[in-house]
Structures are given as C-alpha cells and as structure tokens.
C-alpha atoms as a PDB file:
ATOM      1  CA  MET A   1     101.882 157.830 100.510  1.00  0.00           C
ATOM      2  CA  SER A   2     104.339 155.210 101.623  1.00  0.00           C
ATOM      3  CA  PHE A   3     107.665 153.899 100.112  1.00  0.00           C
ATOM      4  CA  ARG A   4     106.853 151.383  97.999  1.00  0.00           C
ATOM      5  CA  ALA A   5     103.794 153.656  95.922  1.00  0.00           C
ATOM      6  CA  CYS A   6     106.224 156.492  96.171  1.00  0.00           C
ATOM      7  CA  MET A   7     108.483 153.794  94.446  1.00  0.00           C
ATOM      8  CA  LEU A   8     106.329 152.582  91.861  1.00  0.00           C
ATOM      9  CA  HIS A   9     104.964 155.878  90.856  1.00  0.00           C
ATOM     10  CA  SER A  10     108.422 157.755  90.593  1.00  0.00           C
ATOM     11  CA  LEU A  11     109.931 154.370  88.710  1.00  0.00           C
ATOM     12  CA  LYS A  12     106.737 154.974  86.108  1.00  0.00           C
ATOM     13  CA  SER A  13     107.667 158.441  85.589  1.00  0.00           C
ATOM     14  CA  TYR A  14     111.429 157.482  84.436  1.00  0.00           C
ATOM     15  CA  SER A  15     110.046 154.106  82.827  1.00  0.00           C
ATOM     16  CA  LEU A  16     112.605 151.826  84.842  1.00  0.00           C
ATOM     17  CA  GLY A  17     110.707 148.433  84.644  1.00  0.00           C
ATOM     18  CA  LEU A  18     112.069 146.897  87.492  1.00  0.00           C
ATOM     19  CA  SER A  19     110.411 143.224  88.753  1.00  0.00           C
ATOM     20  CA  ASP A  20     109.184 142.790  92.213  1.00  0.00           C
ATOM     21  CA  SER A  21     111.928 141.061  93.516  1.00  0.00           C
ATOM     22  CA  GLU A  22     114.501 143.889  93.057  1.00  0.00           C
ATOM     23  CA  VAL A  23     111.082 146.541  94.610  1.00  0.00           C
ATOM     24  CA  ASP A  24     110.777 144.073  97.080  1.00  0.00           C
ATOM     25  CA  ARG A  25     115.136 144.317  98.300  1.00  0.00           C
ATOM     26  CA  LEU A  26     114.976 148.241  98.056  1.00  0.00           C
ATOM     27  CA  VAL A  27     111.745 148.541 100.127  1.00  0.00           C
ATOM     28  CA  LEU A  28     113.929 146.255 102.819  1.00  0.00           C
ATOM     29  CA  PHE A  29     116.974 148.498 102.567  1.00  0.00           C
ATOM     30  CA  VAL A  30     114.890 151.483 103.603  1.00  0.00           C
ATOM     31  CA  ALA A  31     113.497 150.037 106.204  1.00  0.00           C
ATOM     32  CA  GLU A  32     117.102 149.665 107.421  1.00  0.00           C
ATOM     33  CA  LEU A  33     118.179 152.565 106.757  1.00  0.00           C
ATOM     34  CA  MET A  34     115.325 154.073 108.246  1.00  0.00           C
ATOM     35  CA  LYS A  35     115.780 152.088 111.662  1.00  0.00           C
ATOM     36  CA  TRP A  36     119.165 152.748 111.281  1.00  0.00           C
ATOM     37  CA  ASN A  37     119.122 155.921 110.862  1.00  0.00           C
ATOM     38  CA  ARG A  38     117.004 156.987 114.125  1.00  0.00           C
ATOM     39  CA  ALA A  39     120.334 156.029 115.982  1.00  0.00           C
ATOM     40  CA  TYR A  40     123.139 156.880 113.638  1.00  0.00           C
ATOM     41  CA  ASN A  41     121.881 159.947 111.840  1.00  0.00           C
ATOM     42  CA  LEU A  42     123.234 158.555 108.461  1.00  0.00           C
ATOM     43  CA  THR A  43     121.507 160.395 106.538  1.00  0.00           C
ATOM     44  CA  SER A  44     119.619 164.115 107.136  1.00  0.00           C
ATOM     45  CA  ILE A  45     116.780 162.774 104.734  1.00  0.00           C
ATOM     46  CA  SER A  46     114.139 160.820 106.692  1.00  0.00           C
ATOM     47  CA  GLU A  47     111.288 160.995 105.433  1.00  0.00           C
ATOM     48  CA  GLU A  48     109.919 158.102 103.313  1.00  0.00           C
ATOM     49  CA  GLU A  49     109.027 159.970  99.980  1.00  0.00           C
ATOM     50  CA  ALA A  50     111.954 161.985  99.920  1.00  0.00           C
ATOM     51  CA  ILE A  51     114.283 159.215 100.475  1.00  0.00           C
ATOM     52  CA  ALA A  52     112.830 156.909  97.717  1.00  0.00           C
ATOM     53  CA  GLU A  53     113.125 160.395  95.434  1.00  0.00           C
ATOM     54  CA  LYS A  54     116.250 162.237  96.499  1.00  0.00           C
ATOM     55  CA  HIS A  55     118.082 158.809  97.014  1.00  0.00           C
ATOM     56  CA  VAL A  56     116.606 155.657  95.509  1.00  0.00           C
ATOM     57  CA  LEU A  57     114.858 156.985  92.557  1.00  0.00           C
ATOM     58  CA  ASP A  58     118.377 159.790  91.752  1.00  0.00           C
ATOM     59  CA  SER A  59     120.655 156.739  91.785  1.00  0.00           C
ATOM     60  CA  LEU A  60     118.371 154.280  89.669  1.00  0.00           C
ATOM     61  CA  THR A  61     118.876 157.234  87.093  1.00  0.00           C
ATOM     62  CA  LEU A  62     122.582 155.820  86.570  1.00  0.00           C
ATOM     63  CA  LEU A  63     120.881 152.507  85.400  1.00  0.00           C
ATOM     64  CA  GLY A  64     120.871 153.516  81.822  1.00  0.00           C
ATOM     65  CA  PHE A  65     124.926 154.370  81.778  1.00  0.00           C
ATOM     66  CA  VAL A  66     126.329 151.731  84.393  1.00  0.00           C
ATOM     67  CA  PRO A  67     127.412 147.924  82.609  1.00  0.00           C
ATOM     68  CA  GLU A  68     125.897 144.732  83.032  1.00  0.00           C
ATOM     69  CA  ARG A  69     128.722 143.049  84.064  1.00  0.00           C
ATOM     70  CA  GLY A  70     131.913 144.099  85.274  1.00  0.00           C
ATOM     71  CA  ARG A  71     133.519 145.649  87.969  1.00  0.00           C
ATOM     72  CA  LEU A  72     132.093 149.345  89.421  1.00  0.00           C
ATOM     73  CA  LEU A  73     133.057 151.890  92.630  1.00  0.00           C
ATOM     74  CA  ASP A  74     130.944 154.303  94.041  1.00  0.00           C
ATOM     75  CA  VAL A  75     133.038 156.984  95.665  1.00  0.00           C
ATOM     76  CA  GLY A  76     131.749 158.778  98.500  1.00  0.00           C
ATOM     77  CA  SER A  77     128.947 156.151  99.109  1.00  0.00           C
ATOM     78  CA  GLY A  78     127.795 157.694 102.393  1.00  0.00           C
ATOM     79  CA  ALA A  79     124.485 155.190 103.190  1.00  0.00           C
ATOM     80  CA  GLY A  80     124.819 153.409 100.053  1.00  0.00           C
ATOM     81  CA  PHE A  81     123.724 155.283  97.401  1.00  0.00           C
ATOM     82  CA  PRO A  82     124.112 154.773  94.538  1.00  0.00           C
ATOM     83  CA  ALA A  83     125.698 151.516  95.639  1.00  0.00           C
ATOM     84  CA  ILE A  84     123.080 149.725  96.869  1.00  0.00           C
ATOM     85  CA  PRO A  85     120.403 150.294  94.568  1.00  0.00           C
ATOM     86  CA  LEU A  86     123.001 149.604  91.949  1.00  0.00           C
ATOM     87  CA  ALA A  87     124.022 146.335  93.223  1.00  0.00           C
ATOM     88  CA  ILE A  88     120.199 145.428  93.357  1.00  0.00           C
ATOM     89  CA  CYS A  89     119.518 146.149  90.220  1.00  0.00           C
ATOM     90  CA  ARG A  90     122.746 144.640  88.245  1.00  0.00           C
ATOM     91  CA  PRO A  91     123.198 141.418  90.152  1.00  0.00           C
ATOM     92  CA  GLU A  92     125.863 140.377  87.726  1.00  0.00           C
ATOM     93  CA  LEU A  93     127.939 143.723  88.040  1.00  0.00           C
ATOM     94  CA  GLY A  94     130.714 143.694  91.081  1.00  0.00           C
ATOM     95  CA  VAL A  95     129.939 146.853  93.188  1.00  0.00           C
ATOM     96  CA  THR A  96     132.265 148.154  95.536  1.00  0.00           C
ATOM     97  CA  SER A  97     131.344 151.080  97.692  1.00  0.00           C
ATOM     98  CA  ILE A  98     133.922 153.518  99.302  1.00  0.00           C
ATOM     99  CA  ASP A  99     133.485 155.468 102.173  1.00  0.00           C
ATOM    100  CA  SER A 100     135.453 157.338 104.801  1.00  0.00           C
ATOM    101  CA  ALA A 101     132.579 156.852 107.777  1.00  0.00           C
ATOM    102  CA  GLY A 102     132.925 154.110 109.728  1.00  0.00           C
ATOM    103  CA  LYS A 103     129.103 154.083 110.895  1.00  0.00           C
ATOM    104  CA  LYS A 104     127.974 154.361 107.147  1.00  0.00           C
ATOM    105  CA  ILE A 105     129.998 151.268 106.099  1.00  0.00           C
ATOM    106  CA  ARG A 106     128.960 149.454 109.147  1.00  0.00           C
ATOM    107  CA  PHE A 107     125.463 150.044 108.076  1.00  0.00           C
ATOM    108  CA  GLN A 108     126.538 149.113 104.374  1.00  0.00           C
ATOM    109  CA  ASN A 109     127.741 145.390 105.163  1.00  0.00           C
ATOM    110  CA  HIS A 110     124.688 144.941 107.843  1.00  0.00           C
ATOM    111  CA  VAL A 111     122.475 145.700 104.132  1.00  0.00           C
ATOM    112  CA  VAL A 112     125.423 142.964 102.476  1.00  0.00           C
ATOM    113  CA  ARG A 113     124.135 140.726 105.269  1.00  0.00           C
ATOM    114  CA  THR A 114     120.217 141.362 105.431  1.00  0.00           C
ATOM    115  CA  LEU A 115     119.544 141.121 101.805  1.00  0.00           C
ATOM    116  CA  SER A 116     122.365 138.358 100.636  1.00  0.00           C
ATOM    117  CA  LEU A 117     123.800 141.213  98.484  1.00  0.00           C
ATOM    118  CA  GLU A 118     127.028 138.949  97.268  1.00  0.00           C
ATOM    119  CA  ASN A 119     128.196 141.799  94.977  1.00  0.00           C
ATOM    120  CA  LEU A 120     128.881 144.293  96.555  1.00  0.00           C
ATOM    121  CA  ILE A 121     131.942 145.220  99.061  1.00  0.00           C
ATOM    122  CA  PRO A 122     131.980 148.082 101.389  1.00  0.00           C
ATOM    123  CA  PHE A 123     135.205 149.796 101.854  1.00  0.00           C
ATOM    124  CA  HIS A 124     135.900 151.779 104.485  1.00  0.00           C
ATOM    125  CA  GLY A 125     138.681 154.559 103.852  1.00  0.00           C
ATOM    126  CA  ARG A 126     139.437 156.881 101.251  1.00  0.00           C
ATOM    127  CA  VAL A 127     140.553 156.615  97.836  1.00  0.00           C
ATOM    128  CA  GLU A 128     143.893 157.396  97.665  1.00  0.00           C
ATOM    129  CA  SER A 129     144.432 154.158 100.236  1.00  0.00           C
ATOM    130  CA  LEU A 130     142.047 152.448  97.563  1.00  0.00           C
ATOM    131  CA  ILE A 131     144.391 153.168  95.130  1.00  0.00           C
ATOM    132  CA  GLU A 132     147.272 151.702  96.879  1.00  0.00           C
ATOM    133  CA  GLU A 133     145.461 148.733  97.670  1.00  0.00           C
ATOM    134  CA  ALA A 134     145.104 147.684  94.131  1.00  0.00           C
ATOM    135  CA  GLY A 135     148.866 147.997  93.282  1.00  0.00           C
ATOM    136  CA  ASN A 136     148.745 149.012  89.850  1.00  0.00           C
ATOM    137  CA  GLY A 137     145.347 150.253  89.135  1.00  0.00           C
ATOM    138  CA  ASN A 138     143.154 150.159  86.452  1.00  0.00           C
ATOM    139  CA  THR A 139     140.707 147.785  88.296  1.00  0.00           C
ATOM    140  CA  PHE A 140     137.346 149.075  87.426  1.00  0.00           C
ATOM    141  CA  ASP A 141     134.828 149.150  84.135  1.00  0.00           C
ATOM    142  CA  CYS A 142     132.585 152.477  85.770  1.00  0.00           C
ATOM    143  CA  ILE A 143     133.706 154.869  88.821  1.00  0.00           C
ATOM    144  CA  CYS A 144     130.160 157.436  89.885  1.00  0.00           C
ATOM    145  CA  SER A 145     130.018 159.138  92.409  1.00  0.00           C
ATOM    146  CA  ARG A 146     127.226 161.013  93.854  1.00  0.00           C
ATOM    147  CA  ALA A 147     129.700 163.225  96.523  1.00  0.00           C
ATOM    148  CA  PHE A 148     132.486 165.420  95.381  1.00  0.00           C
ATOM    149  CA  SER A 149     131.990 168.692  95.976  1.00  0.00           C
ATOM    150  CA  SER A 150     134.783 168.969  93.641  1.00  0.00           C
ATOM    151  CA  LEU A 151     134.790 167.438  89.625  1.00  0.00           C
ATOM    152  CA  ALA A 152     138.186 168.162  89.031  1.00  0.00           C
ATOM    153  CA  LEU A 153     139.049 166.750  91.994  1.00  0.00           C
ATOM    154  CA  PHE A 154     137.247 163.411  91.599  1.00  0.00           C
ATOM    155  CA  ILE A 155     138.993 163.019  88.489  1.00  0.00           C
ATOM    156  CA  GLU A 156     142.075 164.175  89.588  1.00  0.00           C
ATOM    157  CA  LEU A 157     141.516 160.785  92.319  1.00  0.00           C
ATOM    158  CA  THR A 158     140.157 158.886  90.570  1.00  0.00           C
ATOM    159  CA  ARG A 159     141.776 158.310  86.952  1.00  0.00           C
ATOM    160  CA  GLY A 160     144.616 155.580  88.713  1.00  0.00           C
ATOM    161  CA  LEU A 161     141.600 152.691  88.828  1.00  0.00           C
ATOM    162  CA  LEU A 162     139.445 153.509  86.143  1.00  0.00           C
ATOM    163  CA  LYS A 163     140.724 150.911  83.005  1.00  0.00           C
ATOM    164  CA  PRO A 164     141.355 152.612  79.250  1.00  0.00           C
ATOM    165  CA  GLY A 165     137.867 152.631  77.748  1.00  0.00           C
ATOM    166  CA  GLY A 166     136.277 152.601  80.950  1.00  0.00           C
ATOM    167  CA  THR A 167     132.935 155.092  82.134  1.00  0.00           C
ATOM    168  CA  LEU A 168     133.299 158.111  84.945  1.00  0.00           C
ATOM    169  CA  LEU A 169     130.019 159.133  86.217  1.00  0.00           C
ATOM    170  CA  ALA A 170     129.347 162.495  87.733  1.00  0.00           C
ATOM    171  CA  MET A 171     126.423 163.148  89.619  1.00  0.00           C
ATOM    172  CA  ARG A 172     126.053 166.772  89.675  1.00  0.00           C
ATOM    173  CA  GLY A 173     123.333 169.465  90.513  1.00  0.00           C
ATOM    174  CA  PRO A 174     121.569 171.921  88.455  1.00  0.00           C
ATOM    175  CA  ASP A 175     124.733 173.799  87.260  1.00  0.00           C
ATOM    176  CA  GLY A 176     126.431 170.130  86.461  1.00  0.00           C
ATOM    177  CA  GLU A 177     127.536 171.280  82.883  1.00  0.00           C
ATOM    178  CA  GLU A 178     128.808 174.928  83.962  1.00  0.00           C
ATOM    179  CA  ASP A 179     130.853 172.049  86.541  1.00  0.00           C
ATOM    180  CA  TYR A 180     132.562 170.818  83.432  1.00  0.00           C
ATOM    181  CA  LEU A 181     133.655 174.118  81.228  1.00  0.00           C
ATOM    182  CA  ARG A 182     135.251 175.353  83.955  1.00  0.00           C
ATOM    183  CA  CYS A 183     137.526 172.632  84.576  1.00  0.00           C
ATOM    184  CA  LYS A 184     137.460 171.085  80.649  1.00  0.00           C
ATOM    185  CA  ASP A 185     140.923 171.381  80.072  1.00  0.00           C
ATOM    186  CA  LEU A 186     141.822 169.805  83.303  1.00  0.00           C
ATOM    187  CA  VAL A 187     139.249 166.809  81.597  1.00  0.00           C
ATOM    188  CA  GLU A 188     140.785 166.637  78.560  1.00  0.00           C
ATOM    189  CA  ASN A 189     144.483 166.765  79.859  1.00  0.00           C
ATOM    190  CA  SER A 190     143.713 163.842  82.107  1.00  0.00           C
ATOM    191  CA  GLY A 191     142.673 161.806  79.167  1.00  0.00           C
ATOM    192  CA  PHE A 192     138.835 162.185  79.657  1.00  0.00           C
ATOM    193  CA  GLU A 193     136.371 162.955  77.284  1.00  0.00           C
ATOM    194  CA  LEU A 194     132.903 164.058  77.596  1.00  0.00           C
ATOM    195  CA  ASP A 195     130.512 161.423  76.119  1.00  0.00           C
ATOM    196  CA  ARG A 196     127.142 162.179  77.033  1.00  0.00           C
ATOM    197  CA  ILE A 197     125.475 164.803  79.388  1.00  0.00           C
ATOM    198  CA  GLN A 198     122.082 163.730  80.597  1.00  0.00           C
ATOM    199  CA  ARG A 199     119.333 166.645  82.268  1.00  0.00           C
ATOM    200  CA  LEU A 200     116.846 165.258  84.408  1.00  0.00           C
ATOM    201  CA  GLU A 201     113.935 166.595  86.580  1.00  0.00           C
ATOM    202  CA  LEU A 202     112.787 164.245  89.767  1.00  0.00           C
ATOM    203  CA  PRO A 203     109.277 163.555  89.642  1.00  0.00           C
ATOM    204  CA  LEU A 204     108.053 164.636  92.911  1.00  0.00           C
ATOM    205  CA  SER A 205     109.873 167.543  94.455  1.00  0.00           C
ATOM    206  CA  GLY A 206     110.980 169.380  90.675  1.00  0.00           C
ATOM    207  CA  SER A 207     114.548 169.041  92.027  1.00  0.00           C
ATOM    208  CA  ARG A 208     116.626 168.625  88.802  1.00  0.00           C
ATOM    209  CA  ARG A 209     119.823 167.072  88.158  1.00  0.00           C
ATOM    210  CA  VAL A 210     123.104 166.870  85.563  1.00  0.00           C
ATOM    211  CA  ILE A 211     124.662 163.071  84.534  1.00  0.00           C
ATOM    212  CA  LEU A 212     128.107 164.024  83.368  1.00  0.00           C
ATOM    213  CA  SER A 213     129.640 160.447  81.991  1.00  0.00           C
ATOM    214  CA  PHE A 214     132.871 160.524  80.246  1.00  0.00           C
ATOM    215  CA  ARG A 215     135.041 158.422  78.321  1.00  0.00           C
ATOM    216  CA  TYR A 216     138.696 157.282  79.722  1.00  0.00           C
ATOM    217  CA  LEU A 217     141.146 157.159  77.109  1.00  0.00           C
ATOM    218  CA  GLY A 218     143.758 155.628  78.722  1.00  0.00           C
ATOM    219  CA  GLU A 219     147.797 157.041  79.699  1.00  0.00           C
ATOM    220  CA  SER A 220     148.675 156.784  75.535  1.00  0.00           C
ATOM    221  CA  ALA A 221     146.105 159.598  74.909  1.00  0.00           C
ATOM    222  CA  ILE A 222     147.440 162.089  77.349  1.00  0.00           C
ATOM    223  CA  LYS A 223     150.833 160.913  75.992  1.00  0.00           C
ATOM    224  CA  LEU A 224     149.697 162.193  72.752  1.00  0.00           C
ATOM    225  CA  GLN A 225     148.199 165.237  73.807  1.00  0.00           C
ATOM    226  CA  ASP A 226     151.433 165.993  75.467  1.00  0.00           C
ATOM    227  CA  SER A 227     153.227 165.385  72.099  1.00  0.00           C
ATOM    228  CA  GLY A 228     151.112 167.605  70.388  1.00  0.00           C
ATOM    229  CA  GLN A 229     149.867 164.495  67.973  1.00  0.00           C
ATOM    230  CA  LEU A 230     145.822 164.507  69.565  1.00  0.00           C
END
C-alpha cells in the first residue's frame, strides 16, 4: 500500500477530513524524510505504511486538542513529529519545534524551505535554553510532546513556557493513565488540572495510545494551594 493510500485509509478510520493540498504536503514531507533517513538515520521507522500510521497519523490525533491559532511548542520533536503535520494542517497556528539533535533540526529546516512552511520555527537546543531565551516565559498557548519518558519531568520543564489557561498535551503509550496517577500530586501542585484523557488504537498495527490533556491554571493556583485555599 502506498503512503497516500495508507494515509487516506487511516484518516478515514479516525474521521479526519484533510484537504487534498494537506495530504499532498504530507506526502512530500514523508518522501523527504525517507530520502534523508537513508543518509542520516532520523527515525528507526523506515517503511512507508509504518511512517504513515505511527508517525503521521499518530501526530494528527492531536488535531482535536490543539487550537486553530495561537502558539504551539513541540518538545523533543525529533524528525518533526507532531510539529510538521500539525503545522501543515493548522496553517494559522504558529508552531515552534525543539530538539537537541542538530541533524533532526537541519532536516526540519529543509522541510520548512521545501514546503514553504512559514508557520514552523525549528529550534536547536534543549527546552531549558528556550526558557532562558523566552525571558519572562508564559509564551505558548499549547505545549505537546511524544518524546518524554517522564511525565513529571515534562511538566516541570515546560510549566514556565505555558500561558495560564493553556493546554499541555502528553502523548503516551498504553500505560499513560498509570503514568498520570504516579505523579498526580506533582501535576496538581504545579498548577495543572487533568482536563481530558483520550484512548486510541492505531488502525493498522492496533498499537494503543493515550493522550493526556492538562489545563494550566497558572501561578496563582499554586499560591492558593500553598495557602490551603484551593
């Protein structure tokens, strides 16, 4: 099955209505990824069908969570997942991706040029350096990640970059709910509340995913907790 056919089948399974132009850009993105991957080993997943399902479709499951406009940060973006599919399908959303691997950010910059993807800014470095560059912080409406092994660390490192009322999206494996329960106190003490849990099963492999969506209540919520008023 070609990448396009696989994508169309997968999109239908998830009732994701993408335009022909968006699918064309995703096809071009994956063609460039496969070309670069042969030389630079950007991802261990190399088959078209697996890339379509486990990278692209997996990224697009966030479309029901991310805003149409505003600013989104993808932490540990790797070869551009979910940043690039989201930037393609949310053209009015400003997307920043960050990764510490230079070759992966160079690839993302290549995709920005090739697809004229003006709403995506790849950033080479660690999230801590982005916090320093942001100054006062609280600059993003939504922050997401597929990469963090530790949910607690993801929350600790990104809280200072999220606007009050903003959304934190943690893309987890099948044990995502258990991950949350293990650090529930830290989540609440950091000014977050669990807003939504979505359980997913990818249509071809049957791989299970969990998306944890948190709302950031802000520093004022932490102060109220500390004073016993919340």
